[in-house]
Amino acid sequence: MNYLVLLRHGQSQWNLENRFTGFHDVDLSDKGEQEAADAGKRLSAAGIEFDQVFTSTLTRANRTAEIALKEAGQEELLDTMVRHDDLRERDYGDLTGLNKDETREKYGDEQVHIWRRSYDTRPPGGECLQDVVEKRVRPYYEENIKPLLDDGKNILIAAHGNSLRAMLIILGVETPDTINAAEMETGVPVVFELDGGEIKARYTLSDKKAA
């Protein structure tokens, strides 16, 4: 049996400020740093040792991986950690940098909800989740990550809410119809146990031990 762990970055400064972040490169907040450290402690307690780590090219994901690996006693993996643009957050286009509450006041709750949660409706100048799945994350996963999983390797992907929600669809554990209910909490590892390439279990490493 081997493991795939999905880890959304800890709270970023723009998460704290309730802004659409997307491709914009912001660092972790103090809370985000603590969330990343807690994730590393949970991974250590679970006894999961990784063979390879993938992350995006954005600072908040990089630093989450770095902090978590150090806390888990696996900092040697930092030298071989792979960073790639395809694992970045969804591009929010013209919404990037806007306060979410102010955007709702301007465009209305329903329109903002569609932009945020519709599978195939893009915000102005940005990407929809379907774009993230089909144009970026699926091709990258199939070429670079799946072969390692099929070979029995333990893999950590430290990325973003939407690129990891894309992974849930690619893995077949969620669909475009169910993905809205799948929340990726900041700094909480989501663990998949695999056997022969098939997912046998899915659970989170959190204080609540929620499945």
N, C-alpha and C. Protein backbone atom coordinates (compact mmCIF):
# COMPACT_ATOMS: atom_id res chain seq x y z
N MET A 1 0.84 -1.20 0.00
CA MET A 1 0.00 0.00 0.00
C MET A 1 0.88 1.25 0.00
N ASN A 2 0.44 2.27 -0.74
CA ASN A 2 1.18 3.54 -0.73
C ASN A 2 0.20 4.69 -0.54
N TYR A 3 0.76 5.89 -0.39
CA TYR A 3 -0.04 7.06 -0.01
C TYR A 3 0.09 8.20 -1.00
N LEU A 4 -1.03 8.88 -1.23
CA LEU A 4 -1.05 10.19 -1.87
C LEU A 4 -1.67 11.15 -0.87
N VAL A 5 -0.96 12.23 -0.57
CA VAL A 5 -1.47 13.23 0.38
C VAL A 5 -1.61 14.57 -0.33
N LEU A 6 -2.79 15.15 -0.23
CA LEU A 6 -3.07 16.48 -0.77
C LEU A 6 -3.09 17.47 0.39
N LEU A 7 -2.30 18.53 0.26
CA LEU A 7 -2.20 19.51 1.35
C LEU A 7 -2.42 20.91 0.79
N ARG A 8 -3.55 21.51 1.14
CA ARG A 8 -3.76 22.91 0.77
C ARG A 8 -2.87 23.78 1.64
N HIS A 9 -2.31 24.81 1.03
CA HIS A 9 -1.43 25.71 1.78
C HIS A 9 -2.14 26.29 3.00
N GLY A 10 -1.35 26.68 3.98
CA GLY A 10 -1.90 27.35 5.14
C GLY A 10 -2.49 28.71 4.76
N GLN A 11 -3.21 29.30 5.68
CA GLN A 11 -3.84 30.59 5.41
C GLN A 11 -2.82 31.59 4.87
N SER A 12 -3.17 32.24 3.76
CA SER A 12 -2.29 33.27 3.20
C SER A 12 -2.75 34.64 3.70
N GLN A 13 -1.92 35.65 3.42
CA GLN A 13 -2.27 37.00 3.84
C GLN A 13 -3.55 37.46 3.16
N TRP A 14 -3.74 37.07 1.90
CA TRP A 14 -4.97 37.48 1.20
C TRP A 14 -6.17 36.63 1.59
N ASN A 15 -5.94 35.38 2.04
CA ASN A 15 -7.04 34.64 2.66
C ASN A 15 -7.54 35.42 3.88
N LEU A 16 -6.58 35.89 4.67
CA LEU A 16 -6.90 36.64 5.88
C LEU A 16 -7.68 37.91 5.55
N GLU A 17 -7.31 38.54 4.44
CA GLU A 17 -7.95 39.79 4.03
C GLU A 17 -9.20 39.56 3.18
N ASN A 18 -9.57 38.28 2.97
CA ASN A 18 -10.78 37.90 2.24
C ASN A 18 -10.75 38.38 0.79
N ARG A 19 -9.57 38.25 0.15
CA ARG A 19 -9.42 38.68 -1.24
C ARG A 19 -9.32 37.47 -2.17
N PHE A 20 -9.77 37.65 -3.42
CA PHE A 20 -9.52 36.66 -4.47
C PHE A 20 -8.02 36.68 -4.79
N THR A 21 -7.37 35.54 -4.67
CA THR A 21 -5.91 35.52 -4.78
C THR A 21 -5.44 34.99 -6.14
N GLY A 22 -5.89 33.79 -6.52
CA GLY A 22 -5.53 33.25 -7.81
C GLY A 22 -4.03 33.13 -8.02
N PHE A 23 -3.55 33.67 -9.16
CA PHE A 23 -2.14 33.58 -9.51
C PHE A 23 -1.27 34.55 -8.71
N HIS A 24 -1.88 35.51 -8.00
CA HIS A 24 -1.08 36.50 -7.28
C HIS A 24 -0.26 35.81 -6.20
N ASP A 25 1.00 36.21 -6.09
CA ASP A 25 1.93 35.52 -5.19
C ASP A 25 2.01 36.23 -3.85
N VAL A 26 1.31 35.68 -2.87
CA VAL A 26 1.34 36.23 -1.51
C VAL A 26 1.90 35.18 -0.55
N ASP A 27 2.39 35.63 0.58
CA ASP A 27 2.98 34.73 1.55
C ASP A 27 1.93 34.26 2.56
N LEU A 28 2.35 33.34 3.41
CA LEU A 28 1.48 32.86 4.48
C LEU A 28 1.31 33.92 5.56
N SER A 29 0.16 33.90 6.21
CA SER A 29 -0.03 34.68 7.42
C SER A 29 0.62 33.93 8.59
N ASP A 30 0.65 34.55 9.74
CA ASP A 30 1.18 33.85 10.93
C ASP A 30 0.38 32.59 11.20
N LYS A 31 -0.94 32.69 11.06
CA LYS A 31 -1.79 31.51 11.25
C LYS A 31 -1.46 30.44 10.22
N GLY A 32 -1.20 30.86 8.99
CA GLY A 32 -0.86 29.91 7.93
C GLY A 32 0.42 29.16 8.22
N GLU A 33 1.40 29.84 8.77
CA GLU A 33 2.65 29.18 9.13
C GLU A 33 2.40 28.13 10.20
N GLN A 34 1.54 28.45 11.17
CA GLN A 34 1.22 27.50 12.22
C GLN A 34 0.44 26.31 11.67
N GLU A 35 -0.47 26.57 10.73
CA GLU A 35 -1.22 25.48 10.10
C GLU A 35 -0.28 24.53 9.36
N ALA A 36 0.72 25.09 8.67
CA ALA A 36 1.68 24.26 7.95
C ALA A 36 2.49 23.40 8.92
N ALA A 37 2.90 24.01 10.03
CA ALA A 37 3.65 23.26 11.04
C ALA A 37 2.79 22.15 11.64
N ASP A 38 1.53 22.46 11.91
CA ASP A 38 0.62 21.44 12.46
C ASP A 38 0.44 20.28 11.47
N ALA A 39 0.37 20.62 10.18
CA ALA A 39 0.24 19.57 9.17
C ALA A 39 1.44 18.64 9.21
N GLY A 40 2.63 19.21 9.35
CA GLY A 40 3.83 18.39 9.43
C GLY A 40 3.83 17.47 10.65
N LYS A 41 3.35 17.98 11.76
CA LYS A 41 3.27 17.17 12.98
C LYS A 41 2.28 16.02 12.80
N ARG A 42 1.18 16.27 12.13
CA ARG A 42 0.18 15.23 11.90
C ARG A 42 0.71 14.16 10.94
N LEU A 43 1.46 14.60 9.92
CA LEU A 43 2.05 13.63 9.00
C LEU A 43 3.08 12.77 9.71
N SER A 44 3.85 13.39 10.59
CA SER A 44 4.83 12.63 11.38
C SER A 44 4.15 11.61 12.28
N ALA A 45 3.06 12.05 12.95
CA ALA A 45 2.33 11.15 13.85
C ALA A 45 1.69 9.99 13.08
N ALA A 46 1.32 10.26 11.81
CA ALA A 46 0.70 9.22 10.99
C ALA A 46 1.74 8.26 10.42
N GLY A 47 3.01 8.63 10.54
CA GLY A 47 4.08 7.75 10.06
C GLY A 47 4.20 7.67 8.55
N ILE A 48 3.74 8.73 7.84
CA ILE A 48 3.81 8.73 6.38
C ILE A 48 5.12 9.36 5.93
N GLU A 49 5.94 8.59 5.25
CA GLU A 49 7.22 9.09 4.73
C GLU A 49 7.14 9.16 3.21
N PHE A 50 7.47 10.31 2.67
CA PHE A 50 7.28 10.57 1.24
C PHE A 50 8.53 10.23 0.43
N ASP A 51 8.26 9.87 -0.83
CA ASP A 51 9.33 9.66 -1.80
C ASP A 51 9.53 10.88 -2.68
N GLN A 52 8.44 11.63 -2.93
CA GLN A 52 8.52 12.80 -3.79
C GLN A 52 7.47 13.81 -3.40
N VAL A 53 7.82 15.09 -3.55
CA VAL A 53 6.91 16.18 -3.22
C VAL A 53 6.73 17.07 -4.45
N PHE A 54 5.47 17.42 -4.74
CA PHE A 54 5.14 18.34 -5.82
C PHE A 54 4.43 19.55 -5.23
N THR A 55 4.69 20.71 -5.79
CA THR A 55 4.02 21.92 -5.34
C THR A 55 3.90 22.87 -6.52
N SER A 56 3.20 23.98 -6.32
CA SER A 56 3.08 24.97 -7.38
C SER A 56 4.27 25.92 -7.32
N THR A 57 4.26 26.92 -8.19
CA THR A 57 5.34 27.90 -8.19
C THR A 57 5.03 29.11 -7.31
N LEU A 58 3.96 29.04 -6.54
CA LEU A 58 3.55 30.16 -5.69
C LEU A 58 4.06 29.99 -4.26
N THR A 59 4.48 31.10 -3.67
CA THR A 59 5.16 31.09 -2.38
C THR A 59 4.35 30.41 -1.29
N ARG A 60 3.05 30.66 -1.24
CA ARG A 60 2.26 30.12 -0.13
C ARG A 60 2.24 28.60 -0.13
N ALA A 61 2.27 27.99 -1.31
CA ALA A 61 2.32 26.53 -1.39
C ALA A 61 3.74 26.02 -1.10
N ASN A 62 4.74 26.71 -1.64
CA ASN A 62 6.13 26.32 -1.39
C ASN A 62 6.46 26.33 0.09
N ARG A 63 6.10 27.42 0.75
CA ARG A 63 6.44 27.56 2.17
C ARG A 63 5.66 26.57 3.03
N THR A 64 4.43 26.26 2.65
CA THR A 64 3.67 25.25 3.38
C THR A 64 4.37 23.90 3.31
N ALA A 65 4.82 23.53 2.11
CA ALA A 65 5.55 22.26 1.95
C ALA A 65 6.83 22.27 2.76
N GLU A 66 7.56 23.38 2.70
CA GLU A 66 8.83 23.46 3.42
C GLU A 66 8.65 23.33 4.93
N ILE A 67 7.69 24.08 5.46
CA ILE A 67 7.46 24.05 6.91
C ILE A 67 6.96 22.67 7.34
N ALA A 68 6.02 22.12 6.59
CA ALA A 68 5.46 20.81 6.94
C ALA A 68 6.52 19.72 6.90
N LEU A 69 7.36 19.73 5.87
CA LEU A 69 8.39 18.70 5.75
C LEU A 69 9.41 18.80 6.88
N LYS A 70 9.76 20.00 7.25
CA LYS A 70 10.71 20.18 8.37
C LYS A 70 10.11 19.65 9.66
N GLU A 71 8.85 19.97 9.90
CA GLU A 71 8.18 19.49 11.12
C GLU A 71 8.03 17.97 11.11
N ALA A 72 7.90 17.40 9.92
CA ALA A 72 7.75 15.94 9.80
C ALA A 72 9.09 15.22 9.80
N GLY A 73 10.19 15.99 9.87
CA GLY A 73 11.52 15.37 9.87
C GLY A 73 11.93 14.84 8.51
N GLN A 74 11.37 15.43 7.43
CA GLN A 74 11.68 14.97 6.07
C GLN A 74 12.19 16.13 5.21
N GLU A 75 12.97 17.02 5.83
CA GLU A 75 13.45 18.19 5.10
C GLU A 75 14.41 17.86 3.96
N GLU A 76 14.95 16.63 3.95
CA GLU A 76 15.83 16.24 2.85
C GLU A 76 15.10 16.24 1.51
N LEU A 77 13.76 16.15 1.55
CA LEU A 77 12.98 16.14 0.32
C LEU A 77 12.89 17.52 -0.34
N LEU A 78 13.29 18.55 0.39
CA LEU A 78 13.24 19.89 -0.17
C LEU A 78 14.17 20.04 -1.37
N ASP A 79 15.27 19.28 -1.37
CA ASP A 79 16.24 19.38 -2.46
C ASP A 79 15.67 18.87 -3.78
N THR A 80 14.71 17.96 -3.71
CA THR A 80 14.16 17.37 -4.93
C THR A 80 12.70 17.75 -5.16
N MET A 81 12.18 18.68 -4.35
CA MET A 81 10.79 19.11 -4.49
C MET A 81 10.57 19.72 -5.88
N VAL A 82 9.50 19.31 -6.55
CA VAL A 82 9.20 19.79 -7.90
C VAL A 82 8.14 20.88 -7.84
N ARG A 83 8.45 22.04 -8.41
CA ARG A 83 7.52 23.16 -8.48
C ARG A 83 7.07 23.34 -9.92
N HIS A 84 5.75 23.51 -10.13
CA HIS A 84 5.28 23.65 -11.51
C HIS A 84 4.06 24.57 -11.57
N ASP A 85 4.01 25.38 -12.65
CA ASP A 85 2.89 26.31 -12.85
C ASP A 85 1.55 25.60 -12.96
N ASP A 86 1.53 24.38 -13.47
CA ASP A 86 0.27 23.68 -13.68
C ASP A 86 -0.48 23.40 -12.38
N LEU A 87 0.22 23.46 -11.25
CA LEU A 87 -0.41 23.18 -9.96
C LEU A 87 -0.82 24.46 -9.23
N ARG A 88 -0.75 25.59 -9.93
CA ARG A 88 -1.16 26.85 -9.31
C ARG A 88 -2.66 26.91 -9.06
N GLU A 89 -3.03 27.88 -8.23
CA GLU A 89 -4.45 28.14 -7.97
C GLU A 89 -5.15 28.55 -9.27
N ARG A 90 -6.47 28.49 -9.25
CA ARG A 90 -7.26 28.96 -10.39
C ARG A 90 -7.03 30.45 -10.61
N ASP A 91 -6.92 30.86 -11.87
CA ASP A 91 -6.76 32.27 -12.21
C ASP A 91 -8.12 32.95 -12.11
N TYR A 92 -8.24 33.89 -11.17
CA TYR A 92 -9.51 34.60 -10.99
C TYR A 92 -9.64 35.81 -11.90
N GLY A 93 -8.68 36.03 -12.77
CA GLY A 93 -8.79 37.10 -13.76
C GLY A 93 -9.03 38.46 -13.15
N ASP A 94 -10.09 39.13 -13.61
CA ASP A 94 -10.37 40.50 -13.17
C ASP A 94 -10.78 40.58 -11.70
N LEU A 95 -11.11 39.45 -11.10
CA LEU A 95 -11.49 39.46 -9.68
C LEU A 95 -10.27 39.46 -8.76
N THR A 96 -9.11 39.15 -9.29
CA THR A 96 -7.90 39.03 -8.46
C THR A 96 -7.65 40.31 -7.67
N GLY A 97 -7.48 40.14 -6.37
CA GLY A 97 -7.21 41.26 -5.49
C GLY A 97 -8.44 41.91 -4.89
N LEU A 98 -9.63 41.61 -5.44
CA LEU A 98 -10.85 42.23 -4.93
C LEU A 98 -11.29 41.55 -3.63
N ASN A 99 -11.86 42.34 -2.75
CA ASN A 99 -12.45 41.80 -1.53
C ASN A 99 -13.73 41.05 -1.90
N LYS A 100 -13.90 39.85 -1.37
CA LYS A 100 -15.03 39.01 -1.77
C LYS A 100 -16.37 39.61 -1.36
N ASP A 101 -16.43 40.21 -0.17
CA ASP A 101 -17.69 40.81 0.28
C ASP A 101 -18.04 42.03 -0.57
N GLU A 102 -17.05 42.85 -0.90
CA GLU A 102 -17.30 44.02 -1.74
C GLU A 102 -17.71 43.60 -3.15
N THR A 103 -17.15 42.49 -3.63
CA THR A 103 -17.50 41.99 -4.96
C THR A 103 -18.95 41.52 -4.98
N ARG A 104 -19.39 40.89 -3.88
CA ARG A 104 -20.79 40.48 -3.80
C ARG A 104 -21.72 41.69 -3.81
N GLU A 105 -21.32 42.75 -3.12
CA GLU A 105 -22.14 43.96 -3.09
C GLU A 105 -22.25 44.57 -4.48
N LYS A 106 -21.18 44.50 -5.25
CA LYS A 106 -21.15 45.11 -6.59
C LYS A 106 -21.89 44.28 -7.62
N TYR A 107 -21.66 42.95 -7.61
CA TYR A 107 -22.21 42.09 -8.67
C TYR A 107 -23.39 41.22 -8.22
N GLY A 108 -23.60 41.13 -6.91
CA GLY A 108 -24.68 40.31 -6.39
C GLY A 108 -24.18 38.94 -5.94
N ASP A 109 -24.84 38.41 -4.91
CA ASP A 109 -24.43 37.12 -4.35
C ASP A 109 -24.47 36.00 -5.38
N GLU A 110 -25.54 35.97 -6.19
CA GLU A 110 -25.71 34.86 -7.13
C GLU A 110 -24.60 34.84 -8.18
N GLN A 111 -24.25 36.02 -8.72
CA GLN A 111 -23.22 36.06 -9.76
C GLN A 111 -21.86 35.65 -9.20
N VAL A 112 -21.54 36.14 -8.01
CA VAL A 112 -20.25 35.79 -7.41
C VAL A 112 -20.21 34.31 -7.07
N HIS A 113 -21.32 33.75 -6.62
CA HIS A 113 -21.38 32.32 -6.33
C HIS A 113 -21.13 31.51 -7.60
N ILE A 114 -21.71 31.94 -8.71
CA ILE A 114 -21.49 31.25 -9.99
C ILE A 114 -20.02 31.31 -10.38
N TRP A 115 -19.42 32.48 -10.26
CA TRP A 115 -18.01 32.62 -10.61
C TRP A 115 -17.12 31.74 -9.73
N ARG A 116 -17.46 31.64 -8.46
CA ARG A 116 -16.63 30.88 -7.54
C ARG A 116 -16.85 29.38 -7.64
N ARG A 117 -18.08 28.95 -7.87
CA ARG A 117 -18.41 27.54 -7.71
C ARG A 117 -18.88 26.82 -8.97
N SER A 118 -19.24 27.55 -10.01
CA SER A 118 -19.63 26.87 -11.24
C SER A 118 -18.44 26.10 -11.80
N TYR A 119 -18.71 24.92 -12.32
CA TYR A 119 -17.63 24.10 -12.88
C TYR A 119 -17.11 24.66 -14.19
N ASP A 120 -18.00 25.24 -15.00
CA ASP A 120 -17.59 25.61 -16.35
C ASP A 120 -17.88 27.06 -16.72
N THR A 121 -18.13 27.94 -15.74
CA THR A 121 -18.33 29.36 -16.00
C THR A 121 -17.11 30.14 -15.49
N ARG A 122 -16.47 30.85 -16.39
CA ARG A 122 -15.25 31.58 -16.03
C ARG A 122 -15.59 32.97 -15.47
N PRO A 123 -14.85 33.43 -14.46
CA PRO A 123 -14.95 34.84 -14.10
C PRO A 123 -14.29 35.67 -15.21
N PRO A 124 -14.58 36.97 -15.30
CA PRO A 124 -14.03 37.78 -16.39
C PRO A 124 -12.49 37.68 -16.43
N GLY A 125 -11.97 37.24 -17.57
CA GLY A 125 -10.53 37.16 -17.75
C GLY A 125 -9.84 36.03 -17.02
N GLY A 126 -10.61 35.11 -16.43
CA GLY A 126 -10.01 34.06 -15.61
C GLY A 126 -10.32 32.65 -16.09
N GLU A 127 -10.12 31.69 -15.19
CA GLU A 127 -10.35 30.27 -15.47
C GLU A 127 -11.54 29.75 -14.68
N CYS A 128 -12.24 28.79 -15.24
CA CYS A 128 -13.21 28.01 -14.48
C CYS A 128 -12.51 26.75 -13.98
N LEU A 129 -13.16 26.02 -13.09
CA LEU A 129 -12.54 24.82 -12.54
C LEU A 129 -12.29 23.78 -13.63
N GLN A 130 -13.17 23.71 -14.61
CA GLN A 130 -12.97 22.77 -15.72
C GLN A 130 -11.65 23.06 -16.44
N ASP A 131 -11.31 24.33 -16.61
CA ASP A 131 -10.03 24.69 -17.22
C ASP A 131 -8.87 24.15 -16.40
N VAL A 132 -8.97 24.30 -15.08
CA VAL A 132 -7.90 23.84 -14.19
C VAL A 132 -7.73 22.33 -14.30
N VAL A 133 -8.86 21.62 -14.34
CA VAL A 133 -8.83 20.16 -14.44
C VAL A 133 -8.22 19.71 -15.76
N GLU A 134 -8.80 20.17 -16.86
CA GLU A 134 -8.50 19.59 -18.17
C GLU A 134 -7.27 20.19 -18.86
N LYS A 135 -7.00 21.45 -18.62
CA LYS A 135 -5.89 22.10 -19.31
C LYS A 135 -4.58 22.06 -18.53
N ARG A 136 -4.68 21.86 -17.21
CA ARG A 136 -3.46 21.95 -16.41
C ARG A 136 -3.20 20.72 -15.55
N VAL A 137 -4.10 20.50 -14.60
CA VAL A 137 -3.78 19.51 -13.55
C VAL A 137 -3.84 18.08 -14.08
N ARG A 138 -4.86 17.74 -14.87
CA ARG A 138 -4.95 16.36 -15.37
C ARG A 138 -3.74 15.98 -16.23
N PRO A 139 -3.37 16.80 -17.23
CA PRO A 139 -2.20 16.42 -18.03
C PRO A 139 -0.93 16.30 -17.19
N TYR A 140 -0.76 17.22 -16.24
CA TYR A 140 0.45 17.16 -15.40
C TYR A 140 0.45 15.92 -14.52
N TYR A 141 -0.70 15.62 -13.93
CA TYR A 141 -0.82 14.44 -13.07
C TYR A 141 -0.55 13.16 -13.86
N GLU A 142 -1.18 13.04 -15.02
CA GLU A 142 -1.03 11.82 -15.81
C GLU A 142 0.42 11.58 -16.22
N GLU A 143 1.13 12.64 -16.53
CA GLU A 143 2.51 12.49 -17.02
C GLU A 143 3.53 12.36 -15.91
N ASN A 144 3.33 13.09 -14.81
CA ASN A 144 4.40 13.21 -13.82
C ASN A 144 4.14 12.56 -12.46
N ILE A 145 2.88 12.47 -12.06
CA ILE A 145 2.58 11.99 -10.71
C ILE A 145 2.03 10.56 -10.71
N LYS A 146 1.08 10.29 -11.59
CA LYS A 146 0.46 8.96 -11.63
C LYS A 146 1.47 7.83 -11.82
N PRO A 147 2.49 7.97 -12.70
CA PRO A 147 3.46 6.88 -12.84
C PRO A 147 4.19 6.56 -11.53
N LEU A 148 4.44 7.56 -10.71
CA LEU A 148 5.10 7.32 -9.42
C LEU A 148 4.15 6.60 -8.47
N LEU A 149 2.89 7.00 -8.45
CA LEU A 149 1.91 6.31 -7.61
C LEU A 149 1.74 4.85 -8.05
N ASP A 150 1.69 4.65 -9.35
CA ASP A 150 1.55 3.28 -9.87
C ASP A 150 2.75 2.42 -9.52
N ASP A 151 3.88 3.08 -9.29
CA ASP A 151 5.12 2.39 -8.91
C ASP A 151 5.23 2.19 -7.40
N GLY A 152 4.17 2.58 -6.67
CA GLY A 152 4.15 2.36 -5.23
C GLY A 152 4.80 3.43 -4.39
N LYS A 153 5.06 4.61 -4.98
CA LYS A 153 5.70 5.69 -4.24
C LYS A 153 4.68 6.46 -3.40
N ASN A 154 5.17 7.05 -2.32
CA ASN A 154 4.36 7.93 -1.48
C ASN A 154 4.57 9.37 -1.93
N ILE A 155 3.48 10.06 -2.25
CA ILE A 155 3.56 11.38 -2.88
C ILE A 155 2.81 12.42 -2.05
N LEU A 156 3.43 13.60 -1.90
CA LEU A 156 2.77 14.75 -1.29
C LEU A 156 2.60 15.82 -2.36
N ILE A 157 1.37 16.34 -2.49
CA ILE A 157 1.11 17.48 -3.36
C ILE A 157 0.65 18.64 -2.47
N ALA A 158 1.48 19.66 -2.36
CA ALA A 158 1.14 20.85 -1.59
C ALA A 158 0.75 21.94 -2.58
N ALA A 159 -0.52 22.29 -2.62
CA ALA A 159 -0.99 23.21 -3.65
C ALA A 159 -2.11 24.09 -3.10
N HIS A 160 -3.18 24.24 -3.86
CA HIS A 160 -4.19 25.26 -3.60
C HIS A 160 -5.59 24.66 -3.61
N GLY A 161 -6.55 25.44 -3.08
CA GLY A 161 -7.91 24.92 -2.98
C GLY A 161 -8.44 24.38 -4.28
N ASN A 162 -8.30 25.14 -5.36
CA ASN A 162 -8.90 24.71 -6.63
C ASN A 162 -8.06 23.70 -7.39
N SER A 163 -6.74 23.80 -7.32
CA SER A 163 -5.93 22.78 -8.01
C SER A 163 -6.07 21.43 -7.29
N LEU A 164 -6.33 21.46 -5.99
CA LEU A 164 -6.54 20.19 -5.27
C LEU A 164 -7.97 19.69 -5.44
N ARG A 165 -8.93 20.59 -5.56
CA ARG A 165 -10.28 20.15 -5.90
C ARG A 165 -10.28 19.52 -7.30
N ALA A 166 -9.47 20.07 -8.18
CA ALA A 166 -9.29 19.45 -9.50
C ALA A 166 -8.76 18.03 -9.36
N MET A 167 -7.82 17.84 -8.43
CA MET A 167 -7.27 16.50 -8.20
C MET A 167 -8.35 15.53 -7.74
N LEU A 168 -9.29 15.98 -6.94
CA LEU A 168 -10.36 15.10 -6.47
C LEU A 168 -11.20 14.59 -7.64
N ILE A 169 -11.42 15.45 -8.63
CA ILE A 169 -12.16 15.02 -9.82
C ILE A 169 -11.32 14.05 -10.64
N ILE A 170 -10.04 14.37 -10.81
CA ILE A 170 -9.15 13.51 -11.60
C ILE A 170 -9.02 12.13 -10.97
N LEU A 171 -8.99 12.08 -9.64
CA LEU A 171 -8.88 10.80 -8.93
C LEU A 171 -10.19 10.01 -8.98
N GLY A 172 -11.27 10.66 -9.36
CA GLY A 172 -12.56 9.98 -9.47
C GLY A 172 -13.34 9.89 -8.17
N VAL A 173 -12.91 10.64 -7.14
CA VAL A 173 -13.62 10.59 -5.87
C VAL A 173 -14.68 11.69 -5.77
N GLU A 174 -14.63 12.66 -6.69
CA GLU A 174 -15.67 13.67 -6.81
C GLU A 174 -15.98 13.85 -8.30
N THR A 175 -17.11 14.45 -8.59
CA THR A 175 -17.51 14.74 -9.96
C THR A 175 -17.80 16.23 -10.08
N PRO A 176 -17.97 16.75 -11.30
CA PRO A 176 -18.37 18.15 -11.43
C PRO A 176 -19.65 18.49 -10.67
N ASP A 177 -20.51 17.50 -10.45
CA ASP A 177 -21.76 17.73 -9.73
C ASP A 177 -21.59 17.72 -8.21
N THR A 178 -20.57 17.03 -7.71
CA THR A 178 -20.40 16.91 -6.25
C THR A 178 -19.26 17.77 -5.70
N ILE A 179 -18.45 18.36 -6.59
CA ILE A 179 -17.23 19.01 -6.13
C ILE A 179 -17.49 20.22 -5.24
N ASN A 180 -18.65 20.88 -5.41
CA ASN A 180 -18.93 22.06 -4.59
C ASN A 180 -18.97 21.75 -3.11
N ALA A 181 -19.35 20.52 -2.77
CA ALA A 181 -19.46 20.14 -1.36
C ALA A 181 -18.11 19.70 -0.78
N ALA A 182 -17.10 19.60 -1.63
CA ALA A 182 -15.79 19.12 -1.18
C ALA A 182 -14.92 20.31 -0.79
N GLU A 183 -14.77 20.53 0.49
CA GLU A 183 -13.95 21.63 0.97
C GLU A 183 -12.53 21.14 1.25
N MET A 184 -11.57 21.96 0.86
CA MET A 184 -10.16 21.69 1.18
C MET A 184 -9.73 22.69 2.24
N GLU A 185 -9.63 22.24 3.47
CA GLU A 185 -9.27 23.14 4.56
C GLU A 185 -7.80 23.51 4.49
N THR A 186 -7.49 24.74 4.83
CA THR A 186 -6.10 25.17 4.82
C THR A 186 -5.30 24.38 5.86
N GLY A 187 -4.18 23.83 5.41
CA GLY A 187 -3.24 23.16 6.32
C GLY A 187 -3.69 21.81 6.84
N VAL A 188 -4.73 21.21 6.27
CA VAL A 188 -5.20 19.90 6.74
C VAL A 188 -4.91 18.84 5.67
N PRO A 189 -4.00 17.90 5.94
CA PRO A 189 -3.68 16.87 4.95
C PRO A 189 -4.87 15.95 4.66
N VAL A 190 -5.10 15.71 3.37
CA VAL A 190 -6.09 14.73 2.93
C VAL A 190 -5.33 13.52 2.41
N VAL A 191 -5.57 12.37 3.02
CA VAL A 191 -4.78 11.17 2.75
C VAL A 191 -5.59 10.18 1.92
N PHE A 192 -4.95 9.66 0.88
CA PHE A 192 -5.50 8.56 0.11
C PHE A 192 -4.58 7.36 0.26
N GLU A 193 -5.14 6.23 0.66
CA GLU A 193 -4.39 4.98 0.70
C GLU A 193 -4.68 4.23 -0.59
N LEU A 194 -3.62 3.83 -1.29
CA LEU A 194 -3.77 3.14 -2.57
C LEU A 194 -3.16 1.75 -2.51
N ASP A 195 -3.75 0.87 -3.28
CA ASP A 195 -3.22 -0.49 -3.42
C ASP A 195 -3.34 -0.87 -4.88
N GLY A 196 -2.21 -1.06 -5.54
CA GLY A 196 -2.23 -1.39 -6.96
C GLY A 196 -2.84 -0.29 -7.81
N GLY A 197 -2.68 0.96 -7.38
CA GLY A 197 -3.22 2.09 -8.12
C GLY A 197 -4.67 2.40 -7.81
N GLU A 198 -5.33 1.59 -7.00
CA GLU A 198 -6.73 1.81 -6.64
C GLU A 198 -6.83 2.44 -5.25
N ILE A 199 -7.73 3.42 -5.13
CA ILE A 199 -7.94 4.09 -3.85
C ILE A 199 -8.73 3.18 -2.92
N LYS A 200 -8.16 2.90 -1.76
CA LYS A 200 -8.82 2.02 -0.78
C LYS A 200 -9.40 2.81 0.40
N ALA A 201 -8.86 4.00 0.65
CA ALA A 201 -9.36 4.80 1.77
C ALA A 201 -9.05 6.27 1.51
N ARG A 202 -9.90 7.14 2.06
CA ARG A 202 -9.71 8.60 1.97
C ARG A 202 -10.09 9.20 3.32
N TYR A 203 -9.20 9.98 3.90
CA TYR A 203 -9.49 10.59 5.20
C TYR A 203 -8.59 11.80 5.40
N THR A 204 -8.94 12.64 6.37
CA THR A 204 -8.13 13.81 6.68
C THR A 204 -7.37 13.59 7.98
N LEU A 205 -6.24 14.25 8.09
CA LEU A 205 -5.48 14.27 9.34
C LEU A 205 -5.78 15.59 10.04
N SER A 206 -6.81 15.58 10.85
CA SER A 206 -7.21 16.80 11.56
C SER A 206 -7.50 16.44 12.99
N ASP A 207 -7.68 17.46 13.82
CA ASP A 207 -8.00 17.24 15.23
C ASP A 207 -9.30 16.47 15.38
N LYS A 208 -10.22 16.69 14.42
CA LYS A 208 -11.52 16.02 14.48
C LYS A 208 -11.47 14.60 13.91
N LYS A 209 -10.35 14.28 13.21
CA LYS A 209 -10.22 12.98 12.55
C LYS A 209 -11.40 12.71 11.63
N ALA A 210 -11.84 13.76 10.93
CA ALA A 210 -13.00 13.63 10.05
C ALA A 210 -12.66 12.85 8.80
N ALA A 211 -13.58 12.03 8.35
CA ALA A 211 -13.36 11.24 7.13
C ALA A 211 -13.76 12.05 5.91
